[in-house]
Amino acid sequence: MSAPRRNRPAPRGSALSGDRRTRRDPRVERDRTEPIAATDPIPRVRRDPRALRAVGLLAPGERLRIDRSRPMTLVDAAASAQARGITGALPAVIPIVIEDPACLILAVPDVPEGRLTPHDRDALSAARGLADSCGGAVVALVFEPVEALGAAGADRVMCFEFVVQGYAPETRAAAVLAAIDTLQPRHVVFPDSLIGGGDLGRRVASRLG
């Protein structure tokens, strides 16, 4: 004798359940979507340095510098060339000598391999601003010969070339302390570098208390 058959529940989504599931075709829906409105492309201005140099709007050894903030026209290029000609006729820069400064500002740049770094230039610029605000002069303390210190803002140079050579942080700190004791500067400015002026400035500050 066979067991009685049980009525199984109708599967979900079938016609017997009355809850028909809607099937969606992503390809059909994609084709039905409205296309994105096309925008007019922004024209890109192309400049030929050879053509500008040929018509005299660019010097033979000058690089073309493009201002992306606004389009450059030939009128602007001509005005730039005219301004360059006027600037070239100006006299040379006259050095400023401060004979009797009201105070001294000591700047200690890093100058690795005898060259000023961006941090060095920032430190000298800050020292120059402090000196100008109080009628003082900037003294640059270096440990090897450096060029362009005057153009960077220094009025005087104190070089410890034969005293400190190579990596000698303690000797450099002692040299800076000796310069501070001799010059009595109102401010001492170090470049904000990690292993250069930052380390040296902390050593000097700890000695001064």
C-alpha atoms as a PDB file:
ATOM      1  CA  MET A   1       0.000   0.000   0.000  1.00  0.00           C
ATOM      2  CA  SER A   2       1.529   3.300  -1.121  1.00  0.00           C
ATOM      3  CA  ALA A   3       1.710   6.363   1.144  1.00  0.00           C
ATOM      4  CA  PRO A   4      -0.681   9.198   0.350  1.00  0.00           C
ATOM      5  CA  ARG A   5       0.788  12.000  -1.768  1.00  0.00           C
ATOM      6  CA  ARG A   6       1.112  15.344  -0.104  1.00  0.00           C
ATOM      7  CA  ASN A   7       0.322  18.607  -1.832  1.00  0.00           C
ATOM      8  CA  ARG A   8       3.582  20.453  -2.261  1.00  0.00           C
ATOM      9  CA  PRO A   9       3.526  24.268  -2.011  1.00  0.00           C
ATOM     10  CA  ALA A  10       3.726  26.009  -5.299  1.00  0.00           C
ATOM     11  CA  PRO A  11       7.154  27.520  -6.048  1.00  0.00           C
ATOM     12  CA  ARG A  12       7.543  31.238  -5.519  1.00  0.00           C
ATOM     13  CA  GLY A  13       7.143  33.290  -8.601  1.00  0.00           C
ATOM     14  CA  SER A  14       5.217  30.652 -10.510  1.00  0.00           C
ATOM     15  CA  ALA A  15       1.887  31.098 -12.160  1.00  0.00           C
ATOM     16  CA  LEU A  16       0.186  29.053  -9.442  1.00  0.00           C
ATOM     17  CA  SER A  17       1.278  31.363  -6.623  1.00  0.00           C
ATOM     18  CA  GLY A  18      -0.195  34.486  -8.225  1.00  0.00           C
ATOM     19  CA  ASP A  19       3.034  36.462  -7.535  1.00  0.00           C
ATOM     20  CA  ARG A  20       4.735  36.680 -10.906  1.00  0.00           C
ATOM     21  CA  ARG A  21       8.330  37.981 -10.758  1.00  0.00           C
ATOM     22  CA  THR A  22       9.245  40.571 -13.385  1.00  0.00           C
ATOM     23  CA  ARG A  23      12.336  39.748 -15.418  1.00  0.00           C
ATOM     24  CA  ARG A  24      14.465  42.730 -16.408  1.00  0.00           C
ATOM     25  CA  ASP A  25      16.753  42.830 -19.383  1.00  0.00           C
ATOM     26  CA  PRO A  26      19.691  45.192 -18.682  1.00  0.00           C
ATOM     27  CA  ARG A  27      20.488  45.491 -22.395  1.00  0.00           C
ATOM     28  CA  VAL A  28      16.997  46.707 -23.219  1.00  0.00           C
ATOM     29  CA  GLU A  29      17.043  49.175 -20.315  1.00  0.00           C
ATOM     30  CA  ARG A  30      20.438  50.441 -21.421  1.00  0.00           C
ATOM     31  CA  ASP A  31      19.165  51.075 -24.938  1.00  0.00           C
ATOM     32  CA  ARG A  32      16.102  52.886 -23.608  1.00  0.00           C
ATOM     33  CA  THR A  33      18.087  55.372 -21.523  1.00  0.00           C
ATOM     34  CA  GLU A  34      18.451  58.811 -22.994  1.00  0.00           C
ATOM     35  CA  PRO A  35      21.927  59.608 -24.285  1.00  0.00           C
ATOM     36  CA  ILE A  36      23.972  62.247 -22.483  1.00  0.00           C
ATOM     37  CA  ALA A  37      23.735  65.602 -24.157  1.00  0.00           C
ATOM     38  CA  ALA A  38      26.854  66.266 -26.141  1.00  0.00           C
ATOM     39  CA  THR A  39      28.814  69.377 -25.183  1.00  0.00           C
ATOM     40  CA  ASP A  40      30.985  71.404 -27.463  1.00  0.00           C
ATOM     41  CA  PRO A  41      34.663  70.540 -26.950  1.00  0.00           C
ATOM     42  CA  ILE A  42      36.830  73.322 -25.542  1.00  0.00           C
ATOM     43  CA  PRO A  43      39.329  74.347 -28.204  1.00  0.00           C
ATOM     44  CA  ARG A  44      42.941  73.842 -27.182  1.00  0.00           C
ATOM     45  CA  VAL A  45      45.317  76.606 -28.128  1.00  0.00           C
ATOM     46  CA  ARG A  46      48.526  75.286 -29.621  1.00  0.00           C
ATOM     47  CA  ARG A  47      51.528  77.581 -29.689  1.00  0.00           C
ATOM     48  CA  ASP A  48      54.571  77.059 -31.845  1.00  0.00           C
ATOM     49  CA  PRO A  49      57.746  78.402 -30.175  1.00  0.00           C
ATOM     50  CA  ARG A  50      59.558  78.388 -33.521  1.00  0.00           C
ATOM     51  CA  ALA A  51      56.901  80.609 -35.109  1.00  0.00           C
ATOM     52  CA  LEU A  52      56.968  83.054 -32.184  1.00  0.00           C
ATOM     53  CA  ARG A  53      60.764  83.144 -32.298  1.00  0.00           C
ATOM     54  CA  ALA A  54      60.668  83.745 -36.051  1.00  0.00           C
ATOM     55  CA  VAL A  55      58.493  86.859 -35.742  1.00  0.00           C
ATOM     56  CA  GLY A  56      60.602  88.235 -32.904  1.00  0.00           C
ATOM     57  CA  LEU A  57      58.166  87.576 -30.053  1.00  0.00           C
ATOM     58  CA  LEU A  58      60.556  85.173 -28.325  1.00  0.00           C
ATOM     59  CA  ALA A  59      64.230  85.664 -27.641  1.00  0.00           C
ATOM     60  CA  PRO A  60      66.659  83.133 -29.180  1.00  0.00           C
ATOM     61  CA  GLY A  61      67.549  81.516 -25.850  1.00  0.00           C
ATOM     62  CA  GLU A  62      64.197  82.022 -24.125  1.00  0.00           C
ATOM     63  CA  ARG A  63      61.789  79.197 -23.327  1.00  0.00           C
ATOM     64  CA  LEU A  64      58.105  79.598 -24.033  1.00  0.00           C
ATOM     65  CA  ARG A  65      56.231  79.831 -20.729  1.00  0.00           C
ATOM     66  CA  ILE A  66      52.486  79.316 -21.118  1.00  0.00           C
ATOM     67  CA  ASP A  67      49.916  80.692 -18.697  1.00  0.00           C
ATOM     68  CA  ARG A  68      47.160  78.073 -18.612  1.00  0.00           C
ATOM     69  CA  SER A  69      44.797  80.382 -16.732  1.00  0.00           C
ATOM     70  CA  ARG A  70      43.961  82.375 -19.851  1.00  0.00           C
ATOM     71  CA  PRO A  71      44.599  82.039 -23.590  1.00  0.00           C
ATOM     72  CA  MET A  72      47.602  83.893 -24.935  1.00  0.00           C
ATOM     73  CA  THR A  73      47.255  86.023 -28.037  1.00  0.00           C
ATOM     74  CA  LEU A  74      49.834  87.569 -30.312  1.00  0.00           C
ATOM     75  CA  VAL A  75      49.046  90.946 -28.791  1.00  0.00           C
ATOM     76  CA  ASP A  76      49.979  89.619 -25.355  1.00  0.00           C
ATOM     77  CA  ALA A  77      53.141  88.085 -26.761  1.00  0.00           C
ATOM     78  CA  ALA A  78      54.090  91.370 -28.425  1.00  0.00           C
ATOM     79  CA  ALA A  79      53.506  93.261 -25.169  1.00  0.00           C
ATOM     80  CA  SER A  80      55.676  90.737 -23.343  1.00  0.00           C
ATOM     81  CA  ALA A  81      58.438  91.149 -25.909  1.00  0.00           C
ATOM     82  CA  GLN A  82      58.238  94.934 -25.615  1.00  0.00           C
ATOM     83  CA  ALA A  83      58.399  94.740 -21.819  1.00  0.00           C
ATOM     84  CA  ARG A  84      61.400  92.439 -22.104  1.00  0.00           C
ATOM     85  CA  GLY A  85      63.164  94.990 -24.274  1.00  0.00           C
ATOM     86  CA  ILE A  86      62.439  97.782 -21.796  1.00  0.00           C
ATOM     87  CA  THR A  87      63.645  95.659 -18.883  1.00  0.00           C
ATOM     88  CA  GLY A  88      66.872  94.880 -20.677  1.00  0.00           C
ATOM     89  CA  ALA A  89      67.591  98.590 -20.964  1.00  0.00           C
ATOM     90  CA  LEU A  90      67.361  99.145 -17.196  1.00  0.00           C
ATOM     91  CA  PRO A  91      70.603  99.733 -15.264  1.00  0.00           C
ATOM     92  CA  ALA A  92      72.216  97.001 -13.214  1.00  0.00           C
ATOM     93  CA  VAL A  93      71.033  96.319  -9.678  1.00  0.00           C
ATOM     94  CA  ILE A  94      72.678  98.686  -7.208  1.00  0.00           C
ATOM     95  CA  PRO A  95      73.877  96.928  -4.044  1.00  0.00           C
ATOM     96  CA  ILE A  96      72.561  98.276  -0.750  1.00  0.00           C
ATOM     97  CA  VAL A  97      75.093  98.674   2.048  1.00  0.00           C
ATOM     98  CA  ILE A  98      73.908  99.101   5.647  1.00  0.00           C
ATOM     99  CA  GLU A  99      76.791 100.784   7.424  1.00  0.00           C
ATOM    100  CA  ASP A 100      75.326 101.167  10.906  1.00  0.00           C
ATOM    101  CA  PRO A 101      72.446  98.715  11.437  1.00  0.00           C
ATOM    102  CA  ALA A 102      70.213  99.061  14.458  1.00  0.00           C
ATOM    103  CA  CYS A 103      70.448  95.308  15.095  1.00  0.00           C
ATOM    104  CA  LEU A 104      71.642  92.100  13.509  1.00  0.00           C
ATOM    105  CA  ILE A 105      69.632  89.105  12.326  1.00  0.00           C
ATOM    106  CA  LEU A 106      71.626  85.889  12.132  1.00  0.00           C
ATOM    107  CA  ALA A 107      70.641  83.370   9.444  1.00  0.00           C
ATOM    108  CA  VAL A 108      72.245  79.911   9.320  1.00  0.00           C
ATOM    109  CA  PRO A 109      71.449  78.278   5.942  1.00  0.00           C
ATOM    110  CA  ASP A 110      72.301  74.655   5.199  1.00  0.00           C
ATOM    111  CA  VAL A 111      73.928  75.253   1.760  1.00  0.00           C
ATOM    112  CA  PRO A 112      74.684  71.601   0.919  1.00  0.00           C
ATOM    113  CA  GLU A 113      77.494  71.410  -1.651  1.00  0.00           C
ATOM    114  CA  GLY A 114      77.712  75.195  -1.643  1.00  0.00           C
ATOM    115  CA  ARG A 115      74.213  75.772  -3.054  1.00  0.00           C
ATOM    116  CA  LEU A 116      71.208  77.442  -1.514  1.00  0.00           C
ATOM    117  CA  THR A 117      68.191  75.198  -1.098  1.00  0.00           C
ATOM    118  CA  PRO A 118      64.571  76.416  -1.131  1.00  0.00           C
ATOM    119  CA  HIS A 119      64.587  76.116   2.676  1.00  0.00           C
ATOM    120  CA  ASP A 120      67.725  78.292   2.796  1.00  0.00           C
ATOM    121  CA  ARG A 121      66.105  80.946   0.642  1.00  0.00           C
ATOM    122  CA  ASP A 122      63.005  80.921   2.842  1.00  0.00           C
ATOM    123  CA  ALA A 123      65.165  81.390   5.950  1.00  0.00           C
ATOM    124  CA  LEU A 124      67.123  84.242   4.380  1.00  0.00           C
ATOM    125  CA  SER A 125      63.916  85.871   3.183  1.00  0.00           C
ATOM    126  CA  ALA A 126      62.451  85.662   6.688  1.00  0.00           C
ATOM    127  CA  ALA A 127      65.633  87.144   8.129  1.00  0.00           C
ATOM    128  CA  ARG A 128      65.496  89.918   5.520  1.00  0.00           C
ATOM    129  CA  GLY A 129      61.948  90.770   6.549  1.00  0.00           C
ATOM    130  CA  LEU A 130      62.899  90.911  10.231  1.00  0.00           C
ATOM    131  CA  ALA A 131      65.881  93.123   9.479  1.00  0.00           C
ATOM    132  CA  ASP A 132      63.865  95.526   7.333  1.00  0.00           C
ATOM    133  CA  SER A 133      61.234  95.870  10.049  1.00  0.00           C
ATOM    134  CA  CYS A 134      63.778  97.120  12.603  1.00  0.00           C
ATOM    135  CA  GLY A 135      66.416  98.790  10.447  1.00  0.00           C
ATOM    136  CA  GLY A 136      68.873  95.934  10.899  1.00  0.00           C
ATOM    137  CA  ALA A 137      71.171  93.835   8.763  1.00  0.00           C
ATOM    138  CA  VAL A 138      71.243  90.129   7.950  1.00  0.00           C
ATOM    139  CA  VAL A 139      74.365  88.112   8.744  1.00  0.00           C
ATOM    140  CA  ALA A 140      74.586  84.753   6.951  1.00  0.00           C
ATOM    141  CA  LEU A 141      76.633  82.167   8.831  1.00  0.00           C
ATOM    142  CA  VAL A 142      77.923  79.431   6.510  1.00  0.00           C
ATOM    143  CA  PHE A 143      80.455  76.648   6.744  1.00  0.00           C
ATOM    144  CA  GLU A 144      81.688  76.776   3.142  1.00  0.00           C
ATOM    145  CA  PRO A 145      81.877  79.427   0.422  1.00  0.00           C
ATOM    146  CA  VAL A 146      78.476  80.200  -1.089  1.00  0.00           C
ATOM    147  CA  GLU A 147      77.522  82.462  -3.968  1.00  0.00           C
ATOM    148  CA  ALA A 148      74.383  84.582  -4.338  1.00  0.00           C
ATOM    149  CA  LEU A 149      73.969  85.161  -0.603  1.00  0.00           C
ATOM    150  CA  GLY A 150      73.564  88.882  -1.191  1.00  0.00           C
ATOM    151  CA  ALA A 151      70.868  88.359  -3.796  1.00  0.00           C
ATOM    152  CA  ALA A 152      69.078  86.034  -1.368  1.00  0.00           C
ATOM    153  CA  GLY A 153      68.932  88.736   1.327  1.00  0.00           C
ATOM    154  CA  ALA A 154      72.212  88.660   3.270  1.00  0.00           C
ATOM    155  CA  ASP A 155      74.136  91.856   4.068  1.00  0.00           C
ATOM    156  CA  ARG A 156      77.165  90.249   5.680  1.00  0.00           C
ATOM    157  CA  VAL A 157      78.726  86.782   5.573  1.00  0.00           C
ATOM    158  CA  MET A 158      80.490  84.905   8.371  1.00  0.00           C
ATOM    159  CA  CYS A 159      82.236  81.776   7.071  1.00  0.00           C
ATOM    160  CA  PHE A 160      83.625  78.964   9.260  1.00  0.00           C
ATOM    161  CA  GLU A 161      85.133  77.084   6.320  1.00  0.00           C
ATOM    162  CA  PHE A 162      88.350  76.039   8.083  1.00  0.00           C
ATOM    163  CA  VAL A 163      86.706  75.391  11.441  1.00  0.00           C
ATOM    164  CA  VAL A 164      83.923  72.949  10.499  1.00  0.00           C
ATOM    165  CA  GLN A 165      84.218  70.362   7.734  1.00  0.00           C
ATOM    166  CA  GLY A 166      81.914  67.453   6.971  1.00  0.00           C
ATOM    167  CA  TYR A 167      79.158  66.246   9.261  1.00  0.00           C
ATOM    168  CA  ALA A 168      79.905  67.680  12.706  1.00  0.00           C
ATOM    169  CA  PRO A 169      76.649  68.795  14.361  1.00  0.00           C
ATOM    170  CA  GLU A 170      78.206  69.494  17.760  1.00  0.00           C
ATOM    171  CA  THR A 171      81.000  71.578  16.235  1.00  0.00           C
ATOM    172  CA  ARG A 172      78.499  73.486  14.105  1.00  0.00           C
ATOM    173  CA  ALA A 173      76.343  74.187  17.139  1.00  0.00           C
ATOM    174  CA  ALA A 174      79.411  75.453  19.023  1.00  0.00           C
ATOM    175  CA  ALA A 175      80.264  77.729  16.070  1.00  0.00           C
ATOM    176  CA  VAL A 176      76.734  79.149  15.995  1.00  0.00           C
ATOM    177  CA  LEU A 177      76.848  79.737  19.757  1.00  0.00           C
ATOM    178  CA  ALA A 178      80.171  81.551  19.372  1.00  0.00           C
ATOM    179  CA  ALA A 179      78.688  83.738  16.625  1.00  0.00           C
ATOM    180  CA  ILE A 180      75.674  84.516  18.814  1.00  0.00           C
ATOM    181  CA  ASP A 181      77.972  85.472  21.693  1.00  0.00           C
ATOM    182  CA  THR A 182      80.016  87.749  19.417  1.00  0.00           C
ATOM    183  CA  LEU A 183      77.276  89.395  17.343  1.00  0.00           C
ATOM    184  CA  GLN A 184      74.440  89.430  19.899  1.00  0.00           C
ATOM    185  CA  PRO A 185      71.775  89.147  17.187  1.00  0.00           C
ATOM    186  CA  ARG A 186      68.182  90.018  17.904  1.00  0.00           C
ATOM    187  CA  HIS A 187      66.906  86.913  16.092  1.00  0.00           C
ATOM    188  CA  VAL A 188      68.485  83.692  14.808  1.00  0.00           C
ATOM    189  CA  VAL A 189      66.799  82.031  11.831  1.00  0.00           C
ATOM    190  CA  PHE A 190      67.351  78.411  10.770  1.00  0.00           C
ATOM    191  CA  PRO A 191      65.927  76.699   7.672  1.00  0.00           C
ATOM    192  CA  ASP A 192      63.053  74.323   8.331  1.00  0.00           C
ATOM    193  CA  SER A 193      64.892  71.218   7.110  1.00  0.00           C
ATOM    194  CA  LEU A 194      64.833  67.838   8.807  1.00  0.00           C
ATOM    195  CA  ILE A 195      68.502  66.981   9.337  1.00  0.00           C
ATOM    196  CA  GLY A 196      70.029  70.388   8.604  1.00  0.00           C
ATOM    197  CA  GLY A 197      68.742  73.578  10.141  1.00  0.00           C
ATOM    198  CA  GLY A 198      66.046  71.818  12.119  1.00  0.00           C
ATOM    199  CA  ASP A 199      68.533  69.641  13.996  1.00  0.00           C
ATOM    200  CA  LEU A 200      71.063  72.453  14.387  1.00  0.00           C
ATOM    201  CA  GLY A 201      68.430  74.862  15.644  1.00  0.00           C
ATOM    202  CA  ARG A 202      67.286  72.404  18.313  1.00  0.00           C
ATOM    203  CA  ARG A 203      70.858  71.860  19.473  1.00  0.00           C
ATOM    204  CA  VAL A 204      71.483  75.598  19.750  1.00  0.00           C
ATOM    205  CA  ALA A 205      68.172  76.187  21.524  1.00  0.00           C
ATOM    206  CA  SER A 206      68.943  73.488  24.076  1.00  0.00           C
ATOM    207  CA  ARG A 207      72.324  75.090  24.810  1.00  0.00           C
ATOM    208  CA  LEU A 208      70.825  78.551  25.188  1.00  0.00           C
ATOM    209  CA  GLY A 209      68.073  77.283  27.460  1.00  0.00           C
END
